[in-house]
Amino acid sequence: MVAIPFTLWYDKDKQNKFLKFMPTTYDSNFHLDNIVEKYGKKLDADMVKAYCETHPIGYQTITKFLNKYKTKRGHWNVTVKQAKQQLEQSYVAPSAPVKSVATQSKVGLAKTTIDVENLIPDKDPTFVKFGQFPDLKKVIASNLFYPVFITGMSGNGKTFGVEQACAETGRELIRVNITVETDEDDLIGGFRLVNGETVWHNGAVIEALERGAILLLDEIDLASNKIMCLQSILEGKGVFLKKIGEYVKPKAGFNVIATANTKGKGSDDGRFIGTNVLNEAFLERFPVTFEQEYPTVKTEIKILTALSESLKIPMIGEHVQFIKHLCDWSDIVRRTFKDGGVDEIISTRRLTHIIRAYSIFGNKEKSVQICLNRFDEETKESFWSLYTKLDDTVVSQTPEDATNG
């Protein structure tokens, strides 16, 4: 054990003048504690000079001790360094901050949460119920914790259905778009440096837990194994925030819904590049899986009609027939796809793109063609050829001519 050297020091602060023992000039911890106690954790050069006048230490010496807390010339912030030291022991600093308001955490660091009054989605007048929507709505309305996995082809309304189920039941929804880069910091939360202060920001998962909201994990099959940080949450339990020493319990009504193009087993045919094989233990924590198919022709006509009306397209004979031709066309393509006759598919989302294009350009041929341009030449020509056989009001021309018309 090393003894701390002491020296006799005359305290100039006291009018009655007395002698007391104080550590020598080289005891940095003593001077650091004292200057913080006297002036606070944010220091400037005038404060430090004033301290040196009443204590046995020179300005050059004490600024050497303070150098690791320096924020800019002549300014030091002891809080920032102390927070950084705690962080360096437990985490790697993450992504950009979110809009927040400050509160106080149990470890003395600033803490922030998302400041949003209402997260209930708006009702969309163009939405048409189909498929598993009634069952999904019942799960959400029950207020029970019952995770749901929704799988289906791209563009068939999986996410839209969840949003509208929440809108109809008056439930708050927090949506997280999952990518291979999504990690614990994005989902659970992490520290951010804001205005020289290190603050904790809740991730979307913690916000949903505390609000009792529906957490939508969109495109969950794009996730890496970092998604395993949600294991305890998918069991209906809370989560311990090890970085700030807090345990967060789920508020009543909290639930998790995940959407995916696959069933978490990857994409063997290569249609959904980037999808991953999810951990079996993770998938087992979803009690039910809803398989969402494309809507029937009858339902799809209702969808496109509602969209057309919202876009002020008059539902006269020509436009009604245009919608029917589009839906019959997509149905034939999908059945051919299932039989292995084609490698691509016309989604419900693609049909809505065509209707929106028609509301802008007022030309059926052009609207169909510009929305087919995402496909390769062979597929584009075969799809266009099929459409012209269904709709004899369009001119049978090359895709390039129709696009440029």
Protein backbone atom coordinates (compact mmCIF):
# COMPACT_ATOMS: atom_id res chain seq x y z
CA MET A 1 0.00 0.00 0.00
CA VAL A 2 1.48 3.35 -1.08
CA ALA A 3 0.99 6.26 1.29
CA ILE A 4 -0.31 9.51 -0.20
CA PRO A 5 2.14 12.34 0.53
CA PHE A 6 0.66 15.31 2.40
CA THR A 7 1.89 18.86 2.83
CA LEU A 8 0.97 21.74 5.11
CA TRP A 9 -1.07 24.28 3.19
CA TYR A 10 -2.31 27.75 4.03
CA ASP A 11 -5.98 28.19 3.00
CA LYS A 12 -6.31 31.70 1.53
CA ASP A 13 -10.10 31.31 1.14
CA LYS A 14 -10.73 31.63 4.87
CA GLN A 15 -10.66 35.05 6.50
CA ASN A 16 -9.77 33.60 9.91
CA LYS A 17 -6.62 31.98 8.43
CA PHE A 18 -5.88 28.46 9.58
CA LEU A 19 -3.61 25.63 8.58
CA LYS A 20 -4.82 22.30 7.22
CA PHE A 21 -3.35 19.20 5.63
CA MET A 22 -3.96 18.72 1.88
CA PRO A 23 -2.49 16.34 -0.70
CA THR A 24 0.50 17.59 -2.67
CA THR A 25 0.19 19.09 -6.15
CA TYR A 26 0.62 15.70 -7.79
CA ASP A 27 -2.53 14.09 -6.36
CA SER A 28 -4.68 14.57 -9.50
CA ASN A 29 -7.77 12.78 -8.13
CA PHE A 30 -7.96 15.12 -5.15
CA HIS A 31 -7.82 18.25 -7.30
CA LEU A 32 -10.22 16.82 -9.85
CA ASP A 33 -12.82 16.01 -7.20
CA ASN A 34 -12.43 19.43 -5.58
CA ILE A 35 -12.65 21.51 -8.72
CA VAL A 36 -15.74 19.59 -9.86
CA GLU A 37 -17.35 20.01 -6.45
CA LYS A 38 -16.71 23.75 -6.53
CA TYR A 39 -17.47 24.64 -10.16
CA GLY A 40 -19.33 21.67 -11.63
CA LYS A 41 -18.34 19.24 -14.38
CA LYS A 42 -18.23 21.79 -17.19
CA LEU A 43 -15.13 23.90 -16.68
CA ASP A 44 -13.52 26.83 -18.46
CA ALA A 45 -10.11 28.49 -18.16
CA ASP A 46 -11.29 31.19 -15.71
CA MET A 47 -12.65 28.56 -13.31
CA VAL A 48 -9.41 26.59 -13.42
CA LYS A 49 -7.28 29.71 -12.82
CA ALA A 50 -9.48 30.72 -9.90
CA TYR A 51 -9.06 27.26 -8.41
CA CYS A 52 -5.26 27.42 -8.75
CA GLU A 53 -5.18 30.68 -6.78
CA THR A 54 -6.60 28.96 -3.71
CA HIS A 55 -4.93 25.56 -4.02
CA PRO A 56 -1.32 24.32 -4.15
CA ILE A 57 -1.22 23.58 -7.89
CA GLY A 58 -0.23 25.55 -10.96
CA TYR A 59 -2.43 26.20 -13.99
CA GLN A 60 -0.12 24.31 -16.37
CA THR A 61 -0.06 21.30 -14.07
CA ILE A 62 -3.79 21.00 -13.51
CA THR A 63 -4.56 21.47 -17.21
CA LYS A 64 -2.37 18.45 -17.90
CA PHE A 65 -4.64 16.47 -15.58
CA LEU A 66 -7.70 17.88 -17.34
CA ASN A 67 -6.41 17.30 -20.87
CA LYS A 68 -8.31 14.02 -21.27
CA TYR A 69 -11.57 15.86 -20.52
CA LYS A 70 -10.93 18.65 -23.03
CA THR A 71 -13.79 19.51 -25.41
CA LYS A 72 -12.17 22.58 -27.00
CA ARG A 73 -9.52 25.17 -26.21
CA GLY A 74 -9.95 26.38 -22.61
CA HIS A 75 -12.97 24.13 -21.94
CA TRP A 76 -13.30 20.75 -20.25
CA ASN A 77 -16.24 18.45 -19.57
CA VAL A 78 -15.66 15.80 -16.92
CA THR A 79 -19.05 14.17 -17.59
CA VAL A 80 -18.18 13.31 -21.19
CA LYS A 81 -14.99 11.49 -20.24
CA GLN A 82 -16.61 9.57 -17.39
CA ALA A 83 -19.44 8.48 -19.65
CA LYS A 84 -17.00 7.49 -22.39
CA GLN A 85 -15.07 5.36 -19.93
CA GLN A 86 -18.25 3.50 -18.98
CA LEU A 87 -19.19 3.00 -22.61
CA GLU A 88 -15.77 1.72 -23.64
CA GLN A 89 -16.20 -1.13 -21.17
CA SER A 90 -19.51 -2.32 -22.61
CA TYR A 91 -20.29 -1.27 -26.17
CA VAL A 92 -19.25 0.03 -29.56
CA ALA A 93 -20.76 3.43 -30.42
CA PRO A 94 -23.58 3.09 -32.98
CA SER A 95 -25.75 4.97 -35.47
CA ALA A 96 -27.34 8.40 -35.76
CA PRO A 97 -29.61 9.87 -33.06
CA VAL A 98 -33.38 10.09 -33.16
CA LYS A 99 -35.66 12.95 -32.14
CA SER A 100 -36.00 12.74 -28.36
CA VAL A 101 -36.56 14.35 -25.02
CA ALA A 102 -34.23 13.96 -22.03
CA THR A 103 -34.95 12.20 -18.74
CA GLN A 104 -32.61 10.74 -16.14
CA SER A 105 -31.33 7.16 -16.05
CA LYS A 106 -30.37 5.05 -13.06
CA VAL A 107 -26.66 5.26 -13.84
CA GLY A 108 -26.62 9.04 -13.91
CA LEU A 109 -26.39 9.36 -17.69
CA ALA A 110 -28.93 11.29 -19.70
CA LYS A 111 -31.60 9.11 -21.27
CA THR A 112 -33.89 9.88 -24.18
CA THR A 113 -37.09 8.45 -25.60
CA ILE A 114 -39.02 9.04 -28.80
CA ASP A 115 -41.38 11.97 -28.38
CA VAL A 116 -44.39 11.04 -30.49
CA GLU A 117 -47.95 11.58 -29.28
CA ASN A 118 -49.81 9.14 -31.52
CA LEU A 119 -48.49 6.17 -33.49
CA ILE A 120 -51.85 4.80 -34.63
CA PRO A 121 -51.81 4.49 -38.44
CA ASP A 122 -54.40 6.39 -40.49
CA LYS A 123 -57.20 4.42 -42.10
CA ASP A 124 -56.70 4.15 -45.85
CA PRO A 125 -59.96 4.39 -47.83
CA THR A 126 -58.45 2.34 -50.65
CA PHE A 127 -57.82 -0.67 -48.41
CA VAL A 128 -59.78 -3.84 -49.20
CA LYS A 129 -59.88 -6.70 -46.70
CA PHE A 130 -58.90 -10.14 -47.94
CA GLY A 131 -57.07 -13.32 -46.96
CA GLN A 132 -56.01 -13.64 -43.33
CA PHE A 133 -56.89 -10.05 -42.45
CA PRO A 134 -59.86 -10.91 -40.17
CA ASP A 135 -57.71 -13.32 -38.14
CA LEU A 136 -54.84 -10.83 -37.93
CA LYS A 137 -57.24 -8.15 -36.74
CA LYS A 138 -58.58 -10.46 -34.02
CA VAL A 139 -55.05 -11.13 -32.75
CA ILE A 140 -54.27 -7.41 -32.59
CA ALA A 141 -57.61 -6.52 -31.00
CA SER A 142 -57.18 -9.20 -28.31
CA ASN A 143 -54.40 -7.19 -26.63
CA LEU A 144 -52.71 -10.51 -25.89
CA PHE A 145 -49.06 -11.21 -26.53
CA TYR A 146 -49.25 -13.61 -29.47
CA PRO A 147 -46.46 -13.12 -32.06
CA VAL A 148 -47.47 -13.62 -35.69
CA PHE A 149 -45.26 -14.48 -38.67
CA ILE A 150 -46.72 -13.46 -42.05
CA THR A 151 -45.12 -14.92 -45.17
CA GLY A 152 -45.97 -14.42 -48.81
CA MET A 153 -44.80 -13.22 -52.20
CA SER A 154 -43.61 -9.66 -52.68
CA GLY A 155 -46.21 -6.95 -53.20
CA ASN A 156 -49.28 -8.80 -51.92
CA GLY A 157 -50.18 -6.45 -49.06
CA LYS A 158 -48.58 -8.06 -45.99
CA THR A 159 -47.32 -4.84 -44.43
CA PHE A 160 -50.32 -2.80 -45.60
CA GLY A 161 -52.64 -5.31 -43.95
CA VAL A 162 -50.86 -5.00 -40.59
CA GLU A 163 -50.99 -1.20 -40.76
CA GLN A 164 -54.72 -1.19 -41.52
CA ALA A 165 -55.49 -3.79 -38.84
CA CYS A 166 -53.85 -1.47 -36.32
CA ALA A 167 -55.74 1.50 -37.77
CA GLU A 168 -59.08 -0.27 -37.43
CA THR A 169 -58.39 -1.44 -33.87
CA GLY A 170 -56.87 1.85 -32.72
CA ARG A 171 -53.52 0.25 -31.86
CA GLU A 172 -50.17 2.02 -32.03
CA LEU A 173 -47.74 0.56 -34.55
CA ILE A 174 -43.96 0.84 -34.64
CA ARG A 175 -42.47 -0.49 -37.85
CA VAL A 176 -38.83 -1.53 -38.22
CA ASN A 177 -37.46 -2.30 -41.67
CA ILE A 178 -34.98 -5.11 -41.12
CA THR A 179 -31.75 -5.41 -43.12
CA VAL A 180 -28.68 -7.58 -42.76
CA GLU A 181 -27.04 -4.64 -40.95
CA THR A 182 -29.78 -4.35 -38.30
CA ASP A 183 -28.25 -5.03 -34.89
CA GLU A 184 -28.98 -4.75 -31.17
CA ASP A 185 -28.18 -1.06 -31.16
CA ASP A 186 -30.83 -0.37 -33.82
CA LEU A 187 -33.47 -2.52 -32.12
CA ILE A 188 -32.84 -2.13 -28.40
CA GLY A 189 -31.04 1.21 -28.27
CA GLY A 190 -27.64 2.70 -27.55
CA PHE A 191 -25.67 5.74 -26.51
CA ARG A 192 -25.35 8.89 -28.60
CA LEU A 193 -23.20 11.98 -28.11
CA VAL A 194 -25.55 14.98 -28.23
CA ASN A 195 -24.32 18.52 -27.55
CA GLY A 196 -21.32 17.21 -25.66
CA GLU A 197 -23.45 14.91 -23.49
CA THR A 198 -23.58 11.14 -23.76
CA VAL A 199 -27.22 10.09 -23.75
CA TRP A 200 -29.11 6.82 -24.06
CA HIS A 201 -31.64 6.48 -26.89
CA ASN A 202 -34.29 3.77 -26.81
CA GLY A 203 -34.52 1.63 -29.90
CA ALA A 204 -37.83 0.84 -31.61
CA VAL A 205 -38.28 -2.39 -29.65
CA ILE A 206 -38.00 -0.66 -26.27
CA GLU A 207 -40.39 2.07 -27.41
CA ALA A 208 -42.95 -0.57 -28.42
CA LEU A 209 -42.47 -2.43 -25.12
CA GLU A 210 -43.00 0.68 -23.01
CA ARG A 211 -45.97 1.93 -25.06
CA GLY A 212 -47.73 -1.43 -25.35
CA ALA A 213 -47.62 -1.00 -29.13
CA ILE A 214 -47.54 -3.46 -32.01
CA LEU A 215 -43.95 -4.00 -33.17
CA LEU A 216 -43.77 -4.77 -36.90
CA LEU A 217 -40.52 -6.40 -37.98
CA ASP A 218 -40.75 -5.90 -41.73
CA GLU A 219 -38.72 -8.20 -44.03
CA ILE A 220 -37.50 -10.22 -41.05
CA ASP A 221 -35.87 -12.82 -43.33
CA LEU A 222 -33.22 -10.26 -44.31
CA ALA A 223 -31.88 -10.28 -40.75
CA SER A 224 -28.55 -11.69 -39.59
CA ASN A 225 -28.01 -13.65 -36.38
CA LYS A 226 -27.92 -10.31 -34.55
CA ILE A 227 -31.72 -10.52 -34.47
CA MET A 228 -31.31 -13.10 -31.69
CA CYS A 229 -31.19 -10.24 -29.21
CA LEU A 230 -35.01 -10.39 -29.38
CA GLN A 231 -35.29 -13.92 -27.95
CA SER A 232 -36.57 -12.95 -24.50
CA ILE A 233 -38.90 -10.35 -26.00
CA LEU A 234 -40.49 -12.97 -28.28
CA GLU A 235 -41.26 -14.99 -25.14
CA GLY A 236 -43.38 -12.14 -23.81
CA LYS A 237 -40.80 -11.21 -21.24
CA GLY A 238 -39.01 -7.94 -20.78
CA VAL A 239 -35.42 -7.17 -21.61
CA PHE A 240 -32.50 -6.10 -19.43
CA LEU A 241 -30.69 -3.08 -20.84
CA LYS A 242 -27.22 -4.06 -19.75
CA LYS A 243 -25.67 -0.79 -20.93
CA ILE A 244 -27.66 1.30 -18.44
CA GLY A 245 -28.67 -1.36 -15.90
CA GLU A 246 -32.44 -1.17 -16.39
CA TYR A 247 -35.06 -3.88 -16.86
CA VAL A 248 -37.93 -3.01 -19.18
CA LYS A 249 -41.17 -4.96 -18.89
CA PRO A 250 -43.71 -5.07 -21.72
CA LYS A 251 -46.79 -2.93 -21.22
CA ALA A 252 -50.15 -4.63 -21.73
CA GLY A 253 -51.02 -4.87 -25.41
CA PHE A 254 -47.47 -5.25 -26.67
CA ASN A 255 -47.13 -7.75 -29.50
CA VAL A 256 -44.73 -8.64 -32.31
CA ILE A 257 -45.64 -9.23 -35.95
CA ALA A 258 -43.04 -10.19 -38.54
CA THR A 259 -43.39 -10.17 -42.32
CA ALA A 260 -41.22 -12.04 -44.80
CA ASN A 261 -41.12 -13.25 -48.40
CA THR A 262 -39.83 -16.63 -47.22
CA LYS A 263 -40.47 -18.80 -44.17
CA GLY A 264 -37.07 -18.03 -42.74
CA LYS A 265 -35.37 -20.84 -44.66
CA GLY A 266 -33.71 -18.72 -47.33
CA SER A 267 -34.58 -18.46 -51.02
CA ASP A 268 -33.54 -21.54 -52.99
CA ASP A 269 -34.69 -20.17 -56.34
CA GLY A 270 -32.77 -16.92 -55.89
CA ARG A 271 -35.88 -14.74 -56.24
CA PHE A 272 -35.29 -13.04 -52.92
CA ILE A 273 -31.58 -12.33 -52.87
CA GLY A 274 -30.32 -11.37 -49.42
CA THR A 275 -32.80 -13.42 -47.44
CA ASN A 276 -31.19 -15.56 -44.78
CA VAL A 277 -31.87 -18.79 -42.96
CA LEU A 278 -33.18 -17.73 -39.56
CA ASN A 279 -32.37 -19.55 -36.35
CA GLU A 280 -34.88 -22.33 -35.65
CA ALA A 281 -35.22 -21.30 -32.00
CA PHE A 282 -36.06 -17.79 -33.15
CA LEU A 283 -38.74 -19.00 -35.58
CA GLU A 284 -40.24 -21.31 -32.95
CA ARG A 285 -41.12 -18.28 -30.85
CA PHE A 286 -43.81 -17.32 -33.38
CA PRO A 287 -46.86 -19.43 -32.43
CA VAL A 288 -48.66 -18.95 -35.75
CA THR A 289 -47.71 -18.31 -39.36
CA PHE A 290 -50.14 -16.73 -41.81
CA GLU A 291 -49.51 -17.59 -45.47
CA GLN A 292 -50.70 -14.64 -47.54
CA GLU A 293 -51.59 -15.28 -51.16
CA TYR A 294 -52.33 -12.70 -53.83
CA PRO A 295 -55.96 -11.56 -53.78
CA THR A 296 -58.48 -13.17 -56.10
CA VAL A 297 -59.43 -11.44 -59.35
CA LYS A 298 -62.68 -10.23 -57.77
CA THR A 299 -60.86 -8.74 -54.78
CA GLU A 300 -58.13 -7.24 -56.92
CA ILE A 301 -60.75 -5.47 -59.05
CA LYS A 302 -62.11 -3.91 -55.84
CA ILE A 303 -58.60 -2.81 -54.86
CA LEU A 304 -57.86 -1.14 -58.19
CA THR A 305 -61.33 0.41 -58.34
CA ALA A 306 -60.91 1.98 -54.90
CA LEU A 307 -57.48 3.28 -55.89
CA SER A 308 -58.79 4.67 -59.19
CA GLU A 309 -61.59 6.52 -57.43
CA SER A 310 -59.11 8.04 -54.97
CA LEU A 311 -57.08 9.23 -58.00
CA LYS A 312 -60.19 10.82 -59.57
CA ILE A 313 -60.29 8.36 -62.47
CA PRO A 314 -63.97 8.21 -63.53
CA MET A 315 -65.39 4.70 -63.33
CA ILE A 316 -66.84 4.73 -66.84
CA GLY A 317 -66.96 1.71 -69.11
CA GLU A 318 -63.49 2.06 -70.60
CA HIS A 319 -61.78 2.41 -67.24
CA VAL A 320 -63.79 -0.40 -65.67
CA GLN A 321 -62.72 -2.68 -68.51
CA PHE A 322 -59.11 -1.57 -68.16
CA ILE A 323 -59.11 -2.64 -64.51
CA LYS A 324 -60.70 -6.00 -65.36
CA HIS A 325 -58.15 -6.66 -68.11
CA LEU A 326 -55.29 -5.88 -65.72
CA CYS A 327 -56.62 -8.28 -63.07
CA ASP A 328 -57.29 -11.09 -65.56
CA TRP A 329 -53.82 -10.56 -67.01
CA SER A 330 -52.07 -10.75 -63.63
CA ASP A 331 -54.08 -13.85 -62.69
CA ILE A 332 -52.97 -15.68 -65.84
CA VAL A 333 -49.34 -14.69 -65.24
CA ARG A 334 -49.48 -15.93 -61.63
CA ARG A 335 -51.00 -19.27 -62.58
CA THR A 336 -48.36 -19.68 -65.28
CA PHE A 337 -45.68 -18.81 -62.73
CA LYS A 338 -46.93 -21.52 -60.36
CA ASP A 339 -46.79 -24.03 -63.19
CA GLY A 340 -43.20 -23.04 -63.95
CA GLY A 341 -44.01 -21.41 -67.28
CA VAL A 342 -42.49 -18.01 -66.41
CA ASP A 343 -39.90 -16.83 -63.93
CA GLU A 344 -41.52 -13.50 -63.03
CA ILE A 345 -44.84 -12.44 -61.62
CA ILE A 346 -47.21 -9.48 -61.70
CA SER A 347 -47.87 -8.42 -58.09
CA THR A 348 -50.81 -6.46 -56.74
CA ARG A 349 -48.37 -3.65 -56.03
CA ARG A 350 -47.34 -3.64 -59.71
CA LEU A 351 -50.98 -3.27 -60.75
CA THR A 352 -51.40 -0.27 -58.46
CA HIS A 353 -48.29 1.23 -60.07
CA ILE A 354 -49.98 0.90 -63.46
CA ILE A 355 -53.16 2.60 -62.23
CA ARG A 356 -51.14 5.47 -60.78
CA ALA A 357 -49.25 5.81 -64.05
CA TYR A 358 -52.56 5.87 -65.93
CA SER A 359 -53.82 8.69 -63.69
CA ILE A 360 -50.74 10.68 -64.69
CA PHE A 361 -50.32 9.90 -68.40
CA GLY A 362 -53.86 8.95 -69.42
CA ASN A 363 -52.48 6.31 -71.79
CA LYS A 364 -53.07 2.61 -71.16
CA GLU A 365 -50.27 1.31 -73.37
CA LYS A 366 -47.68 3.63 -71.86
CA SER A 367 -48.84 2.99 -68.30
CA VAL A 368 -48.52 -0.77 -68.68
CA GLN A 369 -45.22 -0.59 -70.49
CA ILE A 370 -43.33 1.72 -68.16
CA CYS A 371 -44.35 -0.50 -65.28
CA LEU A 372 -43.06 -3.57 -67.15
CA ASN A 373 -39.66 -2.03 -67.81
CA ARG A 374 -38.22 -3.48 -64.61
CA PHE A 375 -38.26 -6.94 -66.23
CA ASP A 376 -35.77 -8.31 -68.75
CA GLU A 377 -36.57 -7.89 -72.47
CA GLU A 378 -37.90 -11.40 -73.03
CA THR A 379 -40.21 -11.29 -70.03
CA LYS A 380 -41.36 -7.77 -70.84
CA GLU A 381 -42.29 -8.70 -74.40
CA SER A 382 -44.12 -11.87 -73.37
CA PHE A 383 -46.11 -10.04 -70.68
CA TRP A 384 -47.02 -7.26 -73.11
CA SER A 385 -48.02 -9.73 -75.78
CA LEU A 386 -50.31 -11.49 -73.33
CA TYR A 387 -51.94 -8.21 -72.30
CA THR A 388 -52.66 -7.20 -75.90
CA LYS A 389 -54.51 -10.48 -76.41
CA LEU A 390 -56.79 -9.66 -73.46
CA ASP A 391 -57.35 -6.00 -74.26
CA ASP A 392 -58.17 -5.44 -77.90
CA THR A 393 -58.42 -1.68 -77.38
CA VAL A 394 -54.66 -1.27 -77.15
CA VAL A 395 -52.43 -1.14 -80.20
CA SER A 396 -50.21 -4.21 -80.53
CA GLN A 397 -46.86 -2.51 -80.80
CA THR A 398 -43.35 -3.10 -79.54
CA PRO A 399 -42.65 -2.24 -75.90
CA GLU A 400 -40.28 0.53 -76.97
CA ASP A 401 -42.93 2.16 -79.16
CA ALA A 402 -45.52 2.00 -76.41
CA THR A 403 -43.12 3.50 -73.87
CA ASN A 404 -42.16 6.37 -76.18
CA GLY A 405 -45.72 7.07 -77.25
